[in-house]
Amino acid sequence: MTLKFSIHYSLHFIAPFFIAFFFYKKNWKKVYLIFIASMLIDLDHLLATPIFEEFRCSINFHPLHSYAAIAFYFLGLFFKKTRILAIALLLHMATDYLDCLL
């Protein structure tokens, strides 16, 4: 298991747990579930050929990882009903962006 793999999946699964637990103590299970559900955004990877390429940067390659989509997720921060999902999606994008750097 590579360091890149460990960092990537820790940020996708472990960091959301801590965010949910420490910042949303009352509803941490629901918030964590929203964070995990945000992984569905990776379904856009199925549109790529090949579906998986180890060194490909997802940001601005896949439609739901595009700069326009990221701007839309950012707008979700300003509305209470979409804030948690927006945080989850932006954390997902930040995690995927780290893959571009490593």
PDB file of N, CA and C in Angstrom:
ATOM      1  N   MET A   1       0.860  -1.178   0.000  1.00  0.00           N
ATOM      2  CA  MET A   1       0.000   0.000   0.000  1.00  0.00           C
ATOM      3  C   MET A   1       0.906   1.241   0.000  1.00  0.00           C
ATOM      4  N   THR A   2       0.659   2.138  -0.922  1.00  0.00           N
ATOM      5  CA  THR A   2       1.490   3.332  -1.053  1.00  0.00           C
ATOM      6  C   THR A   2       1.036   4.434  -0.107  1.00  0.00           C
ATOM      7  N   LEU A   3       1.917   5.378   0.121  1.00  0.00           N
ATOM      8  CA  LEU A   3       1.584   6.524   0.958  1.00  0.00           C
ATOM      9  C   LEU A   3       0.453   7.331   0.321  1.00  0.00           C
ATOM     10  N   LYS A   4       0.498   7.490  -0.987  1.00  0.00           N
ATOM     11  CA  LYS A   4      -0.541   8.236  -1.706  1.00  0.00           C
ATOM     12  C   LYS A   4      -1.912   7.589  -1.482  1.00  0.00           C
ATOM     13  N   PHE A   5      -1.977   6.267  -1.603  1.00  0.00           N
ATOM     14  CA  PHE A   5      -3.212   5.511  -1.389  1.00  0.00           C
ATOM     15  C   PHE A   5      -3.717   5.716   0.044  1.00  0.00           C
ATOM     16  N   SER A   6      -2.818   5.619   1.013  1.00  0.00           N
ATOM     17  CA  SER A   6      -3.182   5.765   2.425  1.00  0.00           C
ATOM     18  C   SER A   6      -3.733   7.162   2.715  1.00  0.00           C
ATOM     19  N   ILE A   7      -3.059   8.173   2.202  1.00  0.00           N
ATOM     20  CA  ILE A   7      -3.514   9.548   2.419  1.00  0.00           C
ATOM     21  C   ILE A   7      -4.874   9.763   1.760  1.00  0.00           C
ATOM     22  N   HIS A   8      -4.992   9.318   0.521  1.00  0.00           N
ATOM     23  CA  HIS A   8      -6.230   9.525  -0.237  1.00  0.00           C
ATOM     24  C   HIS A   8      -7.435   8.925   0.486  1.00  0.00           C
ATOM     25  N   TYR A   9      -7.339   7.670   0.851  1.00  0.00           N
ATOM     26  CA  TYR A   9      -8.498   7.010   1.447  1.00  0.00           C
ATOM     27  C   TYR A   9      -8.709   7.398   2.904  1.00  0.00           C
ATOM     28  N   SER A  10      -7.667   7.835   3.585  1.00  0.00           N
ATOM     29  CA  SER A  10      -7.848   8.375   4.934  1.00  0.00           C
ATOM     30  C   SER A  10      -8.660   9.664   4.865  1.00  0.00           C
ATOM     31  N   LEU A  11      -8.369  10.499   3.874  1.00  0.00           N
ATOM     32  CA  LEU A  11      -9.117  11.754   3.720  1.00  0.00           C
ATOM     33  C   LEU A  11     -10.546  11.504   3.246  1.00  0.00           C
ATOM     34  N   HIS A  12     -10.778  10.420   2.546  1.00  0.00           N
ATOM     35  CA  HIS A  12     -12.138  10.103   2.094  1.00  0.00           C
ATOM     36  C   HIS A  12     -12.989   9.462   3.184  1.00  0.00           C
ATOM     37  N   PHE A  13     -12.386   8.713   4.091  1.00  0.00           N
ATOM     38  CA  PHE A  13     -13.177   7.967   5.071  1.00  0.00           C
ATOM     39  C   PHE A  13     -12.918   8.333   6.529  1.00  0.00           C
ATOM     40  N   ILE A  14     -11.668   8.587   6.898  1.00  0.00           N
ATOM     41  CA  ILE A  14     -11.359   8.856   8.300  1.00  0.00           C
ATOM     42  C   ILE A  14     -11.551  10.326   8.653  1.00  0.00           C
ATOM     43  N   ALA A  15     -11.063  11.237   7.823  1.00  0.00           N
ATOM     44  CA  ALA A  15     -11.230  12.675   8.085  1.00  0.00           C
ATOM     45  C   ALA A  15     -12.714  13.059   8.198  1.00  0.00           C
ATOM     46  N   PRO A  16     -13.595  12.563   7.321  1.00  0.00           N
ATOM     47  CA  PRO A  16     -15.020  12.887   7.475  1.00  0.00           C
ATOM     48  C   PRO A  16     -15.601  12.420   8.807  1.00  0.00           C
ATOM     49  N   PHE A  17     -15.105  11.278   9.292  1.00  0.00           N
ATOM     50  CA  PHE A  17     -15.577  10.804  10.601  1.00  0.00           C
ATOM     51  C   PHE A  17     -15.247  11.831  11.677  1.00  0.00           C
ATOM     52  N   PHE A  18     -14.014  12.323  11.686  1.00  0.00           N
ATOM     53  CA  PHE A  18     -13.611  13.294  12.704  1.00  0.00           C
ATOM     54  C   PHE A  18     -14.352  14.623  12.538  1.00  0.00           C
ATOM     55  N   ILE A  19     -14.543  15.049  11.308  1.00  0.00           N
ATOM     56  CA  ILE A  19     -15.305  16.284  11.071  1.00  0.00           C
ATOM     57  C   ILE A  19     -16.723  16.120  11.601  1.00  0.00           C
ATOM     58  N   ALA A  20     -17.352  15.010  11.262  1.00  0.00           N
ATOM     59  CA  ALA A  20     -18.732  14.758  11.705  1.00  0.00           C
ATOM     60  C   ALA A  20     -18.803  14.663  13.224  1.00  0.00           C
ATOM     61  N   PHE A  21     -17.890  13.921  13.813  1.00  0.00           N
ATOM     62  CA  PHE A  21     -17.930  13.677  15.255  1.00  0.00           C
ATOM     63  C   PHE A  21     -17.648  14.936  16.064  1.00  0.00           C
ATOM     64  N   PHE A  22     -16.671  15.723  15.655  1.00  0.00           N
ATOM     65  CA  PHE A  22     -16.290  16.879  16.452  1.00  0.00           C
ATOM     66  C   PHE A  22     -17.064  18.158  16.143  1.00  0.00           C
ATOM     67  N   PHE A  23     -17.566  18.307  14.930  1.00  0.00           N
ATOM     68  CA  PHE A  23     -18.270  19.539  14.578  1.00  0.00           C
ATOM     69  C   PHE A  23     -19.796  19.373  14.543  1.00  0.00           C
ATOM     70  N   TYR A  24     -20.258  18.142  14.467  1.00  0.00           N
ATOM     71  CA  TYR A  24     -21.703  17.880  14.406  1.00  0.00           C
ATOM     72  C   TYR A  24     -22.051  16.770  15.391  1.00  0.00           C
ATOM     73  N   LYS A  25     -21.630  16.948  16.651  1.00  0.00           N
ATOM     74  CA  LYS A  25     -21.770  15.911  17.672  1.00  0.00           C
ATOM     75  C   LYS A  25     -23.194  15.365  17.788  1.00  0.00           C
ATOM     76  N   LYS A  26     -24.160  16.241  17.705  1.00  0.00           N
ATOM     77  CA  LYS A  26     -25.556  15.829  17.902  1.00  0.00           C
ATOM     78  C   LYS A  26     -26.023  14.872  16.800  1.00  0.00           C
ATOM     79  N   ASN A  27     -25.622  15.128  15.575  1.00  0.00           N
ATOM     80  CA  ASN A  27     -26.064  14.323  14.427  1.00  0.00           C
ATOM     81  C   ASN A  27     -24.887  13.717  13.673  1.00  0.00           C
ATOM     82  N   TRP A  28     -23.828  13.337  14.367  1.00  0.00           N
ATOM     83  CA  TRP A  28     -22.595  12.927  13.704  1.00  0.00           C
ATOM     84  C   TRP A  28     -22.793  11.731  12.777  1.00  0.00           C
ATOM     85  N   LYS A  29     -23.679  10.805  13.138  1.00  0.00           N
ATOM     86  CA  LYS A  29     -23.886   9.621  12.289  1.00  0.00           C
ATOM     87  C   LYS A  29     -24.507  10.022  10.948  1.00  0.00           C
ATOM     88  N   LYS A  30     -25.496  10.905  10.999  1.00  0.00           N
ATOM     89  CA  LYS A  30     -26.152  11.381   9.777  1.00  0.00           C
ATOM     90  C   LYS A  30     -25.154  12.161   8.903  1.00  0.00           C
ATOM     91  N   VAL A  31     -24.372  13.021   9.536  1.00  0.00           N
ATOM     92  CA  VAL A  31     -23.395  13.825   8.805  1.00  0.00           C
ATOM     93  C   VAL A  31     -22.338  12.927   8.177  1.00  0.00           C
ATOM     94  N   TYR A  32     -21.858  11.943   8.926  1.00  0.00           N
ATOM     95  CA  TYR A  32     -20.858  11.020   8.379  1.00  0.00           C
ATOM     96  C   TYR A  32     -21.437  10.258   7.190  1.00  0.00           C
ATOM     97  N   LEU A  33     -22.685   9.852   7.290  1.00  0.00           N
ATOM     98  CA  LEU A  33     -23.338   9.160   6.176  1.00  0.00           C
ATOM     99  C   LEU A  33     -23.411  10.052   4.942  1.00  0.00           C
ATOM    100  N   ILE A  34     -23.675  11.338   5.127  1.00  0.00           N
ATOM    101  CA  ILE A  34     -23.693  12.285   3.999  1.00  0.00           C
ATOM    102  C   ILE A  34     -22.300  12.369   3.376  1.00  0.00           C
ATOM    103  N   PHE A  35     -21.274  12.429   4.220  1.00  0.00           N
ATOM    104  CA  PHE A  35     -19.899  12.468   3.700  1.00  0.00           C
ATOM    105  C   PHE A  35     -19.589  11.217   2.883  1.00  0.00           C
ATOM    106  N   ILE A  36     -19.982  10.062   3.394  1.00  0.00           N
ATOM    107  CA  ILE A  36     -19.721   8.817   2.676  1.00  0.00           C
ATOM    108  C   ILE A  36     -20.547   8.768   1.390  1.00  0.00           C
ATOM    109  N   ALA A  37     -21.780   9.240   1.439  1.00  0.00           N
ATOM    110  CA  ALA A  37     -22.626   9.264   0.247  1.00  0.00           C
ATOM    111  C   ALA A  37     -22.060  10.185  -0.829  1.00  0.00           C
ATOM    112  N   SER A  38     -21.269  11.173  -0.423  1.00  0.00           N
ATOM    113  CA  SER A  38     -20.672  12.076  -1.410  1.00  0.00           C
ATOM    114  C   SER A  38     -19.691  11.340  -2.321  1.00  0.00           C
ATOM    115  N   MET A  39     -19.315  10.133  -1.955  1.00  0.00           N
ATOM    116  CA  MET A  39     -18.434   9.321  -2.805  1.00  0.00           C
ATOM    117  C   MET A  39     -19.122   8.944  -4.121  1.00  0.00           C
ATOM    118  N   LEU A  40     -20.447   9.002  -4.127  1.00  0.00           N
ATOM    119  CA  LEU A  40     -21.187   8.690  -5.357  1.00  0.00           C
ATOM    120  C   LEU A  40     -20.810   9.628  -6.503  1.00  0.00           C
ATOM    121  N   ILE A  41     -20.215  10.745  -6.168  1.00  0.00           N
ATOM    122  CA  ILE A  41     -19.779  11.687  -7.195  1.00  0.00           C
ATOM    123  C   ILE A  41     -18.738  11.043  -8.109  1.00  0.00           C
ATOM    124  N   ASP A  42     -18.093  10.001  -7.612  1.00  0.00           N
ATOM    125  CA  ASP A  42     -17.086   9.305  -8.417  1.00  0.00           C
ATOM    126  C   ASP A  42     -17.697   8.441  -9.520  1.00  0.00           C
ATOM    127  N   LEU A  43     -19.004   8.381  -9.590  1.00  0.00           N
ATOM    128  CA  LEU A  43     -19.636   7.645 -10.693  1.00  0.00           C
ATOM    129  C   LEU A  43     -19.280   8.252 -12.046  1.00  0.00           C
ATOM    130  N   ASP A  44     -18.905   9.521 -12.050  1.00  0.00           N
ATOM    131  CA  ASP A  44     -18.519  10.136 -13.323  1.00  0.00           C
ATOM    132  C   ASP A  44     -17.224   9.538 -13.876  1.00  0.00           C
ATOM    133  N   HIS A  45     -16.503   8.804 -13.057  1.00  0.00           N
ATOM    134  CA  HIS A  45     -15.292   8.131 -13.535  1.00  0.00           C
ATOM    135  C   HIS A  45     -15.644   7.046 -14.555  1.00  0.00           C
ATOM    136  N   LEU A  46     -16.889   6.558 -14.479  1.00  0.00           N
ATOM    137  CA  LEU A  46     -17.324   5.525 -15.421  1.00  0.00           C
ATOM    138  C   LEU A  46     -17.425   6.045 -16.853  1.00  0.00           C
ATOM    139  N   LEU A  47     -17.438   7.356 -17.017  1.00  0.00           N
ATOM    140  CA  LEU A  47     -17.522   7.955 -18.349  1.00  0.00           C
ATOM    141  C   LEU A  47     -16.161   8.049 -19.036  1.00  0.00           C
ATOM    142  N   ALA A  48     -15.092   7.818 -18.276  1.00  0.00           N
ATOM    143  CA  ALA A  48     -13.736   7.963 -18.818  1.00  0.00           C
ATOM    144  C   ALA A  48     -13.254   6.661 -19.451  1.00  0.00           C
ATOM    145  N   THR A  49     -12.343   6.816 -20.387  1.00  0.00           N
ATOM    146  CA  THR A  49     -11.684   5.660 -21.000  1.00  0.00           C
ATOM    147  C   THR A  49     -10.186   5.858 -20.883  1.00  0.00           C
ATOM    148  N   PRO A  50      -9.490   5.004 -20.199  1.00  0.00           N
ATOM    149  CA  PRO A  50      -9.981   3.904 -19.379  1.00  0.00           C
ATOM    150  C   PRO A  50     -10.654   4.435 -18.116  1.00  0.00           C
ATOM    151  N   ILE A  51     -11.475   3.604 -17.484  1.00  0.00           N
ATOM    152  CA  ILE A  51     -12.206   4.034 -16.288  1.00  0.00           C
ATOM    153  C   ILE A  51     -11.240   4.448 -15.188  1.00  0.00           C
ATOM    154  N   PHE A  52     -10.183   3.671 -14.998  1.00  0.00           N
ATOM    155  CA  PHE A  52      -9.196   3.988 -13.969  1.00  0.00           C
ATOM    156  C   PHE A  52      -7.816   4.117 -14.597  1.00  0.00           C
ATOM    157  N   GLU A  53      -7.165   5.200 -14.282  1.00  0.00           N
ATOM    158  CA  GLU A  53      -5.781   5.400 -14.688  1.00  0.00           C
ATOM    159  C   GLU A  53      -5.069   5.967 -13.461  1.00  0.00           C
ATOM    160  N   GLU A  54      -4.114   5.237 -12.955  1.00  0.00           N
ATOM    161  CA  GLU A  54      -3.517   5.538 -11.653  1.00  0.00           C
ATOM    162  C   GLU A  54      -3.002   6.965 -11.518  1.00  0.00           C
ATOM    163  N   PHE A  55      -2.379   7.505 -12.534  1.00  0.00           N
ATOM    164  CA  PHE A  55      -1.757   8.817 -12.405  1.00  0.00           C
ATOM    165  C   PHE A  55      -2.566   9.951 -13.030  1.00  0.00           C
ATOM    166  N   ARG A  56      -3.815   9.695 -13.363  1.00  0.00           N
ATOM    167  CA  ARG A  56      -4.665  10.740 -13.948  1.00  0.00           C
ATOM    168  C   ARG A  56      -5.190  11.654 -12.836  1.00  0.00           C
ATOM    169  N   CYS A  57      -5.193  12.941 -13.088  1.00  0.00           N
ATOM    170  CA  CYS A  57      -5.757  13.923 -12.166  1.00  0.00           C
ATOM    171  C   CYS A  57      -7.262  14.036 -12.455  1.00  0.00           C
ATOM    172  N   SER A  58      -8.078  13.745 -11.460  1.00  0.00           N
ATOM    173  CA  SER A  58      -9.534  13.786 -11.637  1.00  0.00           C
ATOM    174  C   SER A  58     -10.066  15.198 -11.820  1.00  0.00           C
ATOM    175  N   ILE A  59      -9.389  16.156 -11.206  1.00  0.00           N
ATOM    176  CA  ILE A  59      -9.881  17.533 -11.222  1.00  0.00           C
ATOM    177  C   ILE A  59      -9.843  18.085 -12.643  1.00  0.00           C
ATOM    178  N   ASN A  60     -10.993  18.540 -13.065  1.00  0.00           N
ATOM    179  CA  ASN A  60     -11.250  19.094 -14.397  1.00  0.00           C
ATOM    180  C   ASN A  60     -11.072  18.070 -15.520  1.00  0.00           C
ATOM    181  N   PHE A  61     -11.091  16.790 -15.164  1.00  0.00           N
ATOM    182  CA  PHE A  61     -11.089  15.736 -16.172  1.00  0.00           C
ATOM    183  C   PHE A  61     -12.470  15.096 -16.253  1.00  0.00           C
ATOM    184  N   HIS A  62     -13.042  14.787 -15.105  1.00  0.00           N
ATOM    185  CA  HIS A  62     -14.374  14.196 -15.033  1.00  0.00           C
ATOM    186  C   HIS A  62     -15.404  15.316 -14.848  1.00  0.00           C
ATOM    187  N   PRO A  63     -16.603  15.167 -15.403  1.00  0.00           N
ATOM    188  CA  PRO A  63     -17.602  16.248 -15.348  1.00  0.00           C
ATOM    189  C   PRO A  63     -17.967  16.722 -13.939  1.00  0.00           C
ATOM    190  N   LEU A  64     -18.147  15.809 -12.993  1.00  0.00           N
ATOM    191  CA  LEU A  64     -18.517  16.218 -11.642  1.00  0.00           C
ATOM    192  C   LEU A  64     -17.314  16.648 -10.806  1.00  0.00           C
ATOM    193  N   HIS A  65     -16.137  16.620 -11.426  1.00  0.00           N
ATOM    194  CA  HIS A  65     -14.907  17.088 -10.793  1.00  0.00           C
ATOM    195  C   HIS A  65     -14.373  18.329 -11.523  1.00  0.00           C
ATOM    196  N   SER A  66     -15.207  18.945 -12.338  1.00  0.00           N
ATOM    197  CA  SER A  66     -14.788  20.105 -13.127  1.00  0.00           C
ATOM    198  C   SER A  66     -14.775  21.373 -12.266  1.00  0.00           C
ATOM    199  N   TYR A  67     -14.093  22.387 -12.758  1.00  0.00           N
ATOM    200  CA  TYR A  67     -14.046  23.654 -12.030  1.00  0.00           C
ATOM    201  C   TYR A  67     -15.445  24.260 -11.897  1.00  0.00           C
ATOM    202  N   ALA A  68     -16.258  24.114 -12.923  1.00  0.00           N
ATOM    203  CA  ALA A  68     -17.634  24.633 -12.858  1.00  0.00           C
ATOM    204  C   ALA A  68     -18.424  23.909 -11.772  1.00  0.00           C
ATOM    205  N   ALA A  69     -18.276  22.601 -11.694  1.00  0.00           N
ATOM    206  CA  ALA A  69     -18.971  21.828 -10.661  1.00  0.00           C
ATOM    207  C   ALA A  69     -18.476  22.227  -9.274  1.00  0.00           C
ATOM    208  N   ILE A  70     -17.174  22.417  -9.145  1.00  0.00           N
ATOM    209  CA  ILE A  70     -16.595  22.814  -7.857  1.00  0.00           C
ATOM    210  C   ILE A  70     -17.143  24.176  -7.429  1.00  0.00           C
ATOM    211  N   ALA A  71     -17.307  25.099  -8.372  1.00  0.00           N
ATOM    212  CA  ALA A  71     -17.895  26.407  -8.062  1.00  0.00           C
ATOM    213  C   ALA A  71     -19.335  26.240  -7.571  1.00  0.00           C
ATOM    214  N   PHE A  72     -20.062  25.328  -8.187  1.00  0.00           N
ATOM    215  CA  PHE A  72     -21.444  25.039  -7.775  1.00  0.00           C
ATOM    216  C   PHE A  72     -21.454  24.466  -6.352  1.00  0.00           C
ATOM    217  N   TYR A  73     -20.528  23.561  -6.043  1.00  0.00           N
ATOM    218  CA  TYR A  73     -20.453  22.998  -4.685  1.00  0.00           C
ATOM    219  C   TYR A  73     -20.130  24.101  -3.682  1.00  0.00           C
ATOM    220  N   PHE A  74     -19.263  25.025  -4.083  1.00  0.00           N
ATOM    221  CA  PHE A  74     -18.904  26.143  -3.214  1.00  0.00           C
ATOM    222  C   PHE A  74     -20.132  26.991  -2.873  1.00  0.00           C
ATOM    223  N   LEU A  75     -20.991  27.207  -3.859  1.00  0.00           N
ATOM    224  CA  LEU A  75     -22.215  27.981  -3.617  1.00  0.00           C
ATOM    225  C   LEU A  75     -23.113  27.318  -2.583  1.00  0.00           C
ATOM    226  N   GLY A  76     -23.058  26.005  -2.512  1.00  0.00           N
ATOM    227  CA  GLY A  76     -23.852  25.269  -1.537  1.00  0.00           C
ATOM    228  C   GLY A  76     -23.500  25.591  -0.094  1.00  0.00           C
ATOM    229  N   LEU A  77     -22.312  26.136   0.121  1.00  0.00           N
ATOM    230  CA  LEU A  77     -21.904  26.520   1.476  1.00  0.00           C
ATOM    231  C   LEU A  77     -22.766  27.635   2.050  1.00  0.00           C
ATOM    232  N   PHE A  78     -23.364  28.439   1.186  1.00  0.00           N
ATOM    233  CA  PHE A  78     -24.121  29.606   1.622  1.00  0.00           C
ATOM    234  C   PHE A  78     -25.565  29.311   2.009  1.00  0.00           C
ATOM    235  N   PHE A  79     -25.983  28.064   1.844  1.00  0.00           N
ATOM    236  CA  PHE A  79     -27.358  27.671   2.161  1.00  0.00           C
ATOM    237  C   PHE A  79     -27.329  26.583   3.228  1.00  0.00           C
ATOM    238  N   LYS A  80     -28.065  26.804   4.286  1.00  0.00           N
ATOM    239  CA  LYS A  80     -28.033  25.890   5.426  1.00  0.00           C
ATOM    240  C   LYS A  80     -28.406  24.455   5.024  1.00  0.00           C
ATOM    241  N   LYS A  81     -29.382  24.300   4.148  1.00  0.00           N
ATOM    242  CA  LYS A  81     -29.844  22.969   3.767  1.00  0.00           C
ATOM    243  C   LYS A  81     -28.828  22.178   2.947  1.00  0.00           C
ATOM    244  N   THR A  82     -27.908  22.855   2.298  1.00  0.00           N
ATOM    245  CA  THR A  82     -26.930  22.161   1.453  1.00  0.00           C
ATOM    246  C   THR A  82     -25.507  22.241   1.994  1.00  0.00           C
ATOM    247  N   ARG A  83     -25.333  22.911   3.127  1.00  0.00           N
ATOM    248  CA  ARG A  83     -23.982  23.171   3.638  1.00  0.00           C
ATOM    249  C   ARG A  83     -23.180  21.898   3.907  1.00  0.00           C
ATOM    250  N   ILE A  84     -23.763  20.919   4.573  1.00  0.00           N
ATOM    251  CA  ILE A  84     -23.004  19.703   4.908  1.00  0.00           C
ATOM    252  C   ILE A  84     -22.610  18.957   3.641  1.00  0.00           C
ATOM    253  N   LEU A  85     -23.536  18.841   2.697  1.00  0.00           N
ATOM    254  CA  LEU A  85     -23.215  18.178   1.436  1.00  0.00           C
ATOM    255  C   LEU A  85     -22.133  18.955   0.686  1.00  0.00           C
ATOM    256  N   ALA A  86     -22.223  20.276   0.704  1.00  0.00           N
ATOM    257  CA  ALA A  86     -21.211  21.102   0.033  1.00  0.00           C
ATOM    258  C   ALA A  86     -19.834  20.894   0.669  1.00  0.00           C
ATOM    259  N   ILE A  87     -19.784  20.835   1.984  1.00  0.00           N
ATOM    260  CA  ILE A  87     -18.514  20.583   2.670  1.00  0.00           C
ATOM    261  C   ILE A  87     -17.979  19.212   2.268  1.00  0.00           C
ATOM    262  N   ALA A  88     -18.849  18.221   2.234  1.00  0.00           N
ATOM    263  CA  ALA A  88     -18.441  16.862   1.859  1.00  0.00           C
ATOM    264  C   ALA A  88     -17.886  16.827   0.433  1.00  0.00           C
ATOM    265  N   LEU A  89     -18.575  17.481  -0.482  1.00  0.00           N
ATOM    266  CA  LEU A  89     -18.132  17.483  -1.877  1.00  0.00           C
ATOM    267  C   LEU A  89     -16.822  18.255  -2.054  1.00  0.00           C
ATOM    268  N   LEU A  90     -16.685  19.361  -1.349  1.00  0.00           N
ATOM    269  CA  LEU A  90     -15.440  20.138  -1.440  1.00  0.00           C
ATOM    270  C   LEU A  90     -14.267  19.401  -0.806  1.00  0.00           C
ATOM    271  N   LEU A  91     -14.520  18.683   0.288  1.00  0.00           N
ATOM    272  CA  LEU A  91     -13.459  17.859   0.866  1.00  0.00           C
ATOM    273  C   LEU A  91     -13.069  16.763  -0.119  1.00  0.00           C
ATOM    274  N   HIS A  92     -14.052  16.190  -0.786  1.00  0.00           N
ATOM    275  CA  HIS A  92     -13.780  15.162  -1.796  1.00  0.00           C
ATOM    276  C   HIS A  92     -12.909  15.745  -2.921  1.00  0.00           C
ATOM    277  N   MET A  93     -13.253  16.940  -3.379  1.00  0.00           N
ATOM    278  CA  MET A  93     -12.471  17.580  -4.447  1.00  0.00           C
ATOM    279  C   MET A  93     -11.056  17.894  -3.969  1.00  0.00           C
ATOM    280  N   ALA A  94     -10.918  18.372  -2.733  1.00  0.00           N
ATOM    281  CA  ALA A  94      -9.594  18.674  -2.190  1.00  0.00           C
ATOM    282  C   ALA A  94      -8.749  17.402  -2.084  1.00  0.00           C
ATOM    283  N   THR A  95      -9.387  16.327  -1.669  1.00  0.00           N
ATOM    284  CA  THR A  95      -8.691  15.040  -1.576  1.00  0.00           C
ATOM    285  C   THR A  95      -8.231  14.586  -2.953  1.00  0.00           C
ATOM    286  N   ASP A  96      -9.112  14.684  -3.931  1.00  0.00           N
ATOM    287  CA  ASP A  96      -8.742  14.289  -5.280  1.00  0.00           C
ATOM    288  C   ASP A  96      -7.674  15.217  -5.860  1.00  0.00           C
ATOM    289  N   TYR A  97      -7.694  16.474  -5.485  1.00  0.00           N
ATOM    290  CA  TYR A  97      -6.679  17.412  -5.953  1.00  0.00           C
ATOM    291  C   TYR A  97      -5.300  17.033  -5.418  1.00  0.00           C
ATOM    292  N   LEU A  98      -5.259  16.543  -4.191  1.00  0.00           N
ATOM    293  CA  LEU A  98      -3.974  16.104  -3.632  1.00  0.00           C
ATOM    294  C   LEU A  98      -3.341  15.024  -4.496  1.00  0.00           C
ATOM    295  N   ASP A  99      -4.166  14.178  -5.121  1.00  0.00           N
ATOM    296  CA  ASP A  99      -3.646  13.164  -6.031  1.00  0.00           C
ATOM    297  C   ASP A  99      -2.911  13.799  -7.209  1.00  0.00           C
ATOM    298  N   CYS A 100      -3.349  14.965  -7.596  1.00  0.00           N
ATOM    299  CA  CYS A 100      -2.707  15.670  -8.709  1.00  0.00           C
ATOM    300  C   CYS A 100      -1.320  16.169  -8.307  1.00  0.00           C
ATOM    301  N   LEU A 101      -1.143  16.437  -7.031  1.00  0.00           N
ATOM    302  CA  LEU A 101       0.119  16.970  -6.538  1.00  0.00           C
ATOM    303  C   LEU A 101       1.132  15.897  -6.165  1.00  0.00           C
ATOM    304  N   LEU A 102       0.623  14.743  -5.750  1.00  0.00           N
ATOM    305  CA  LEU A 102       1.521  13.673  -5.279  1.00  0.00           C
ATOM    306  C   LEU A 102       1.994  12.781  -6.400  1.00  0.00           C
TER     307      LEU A 102
END
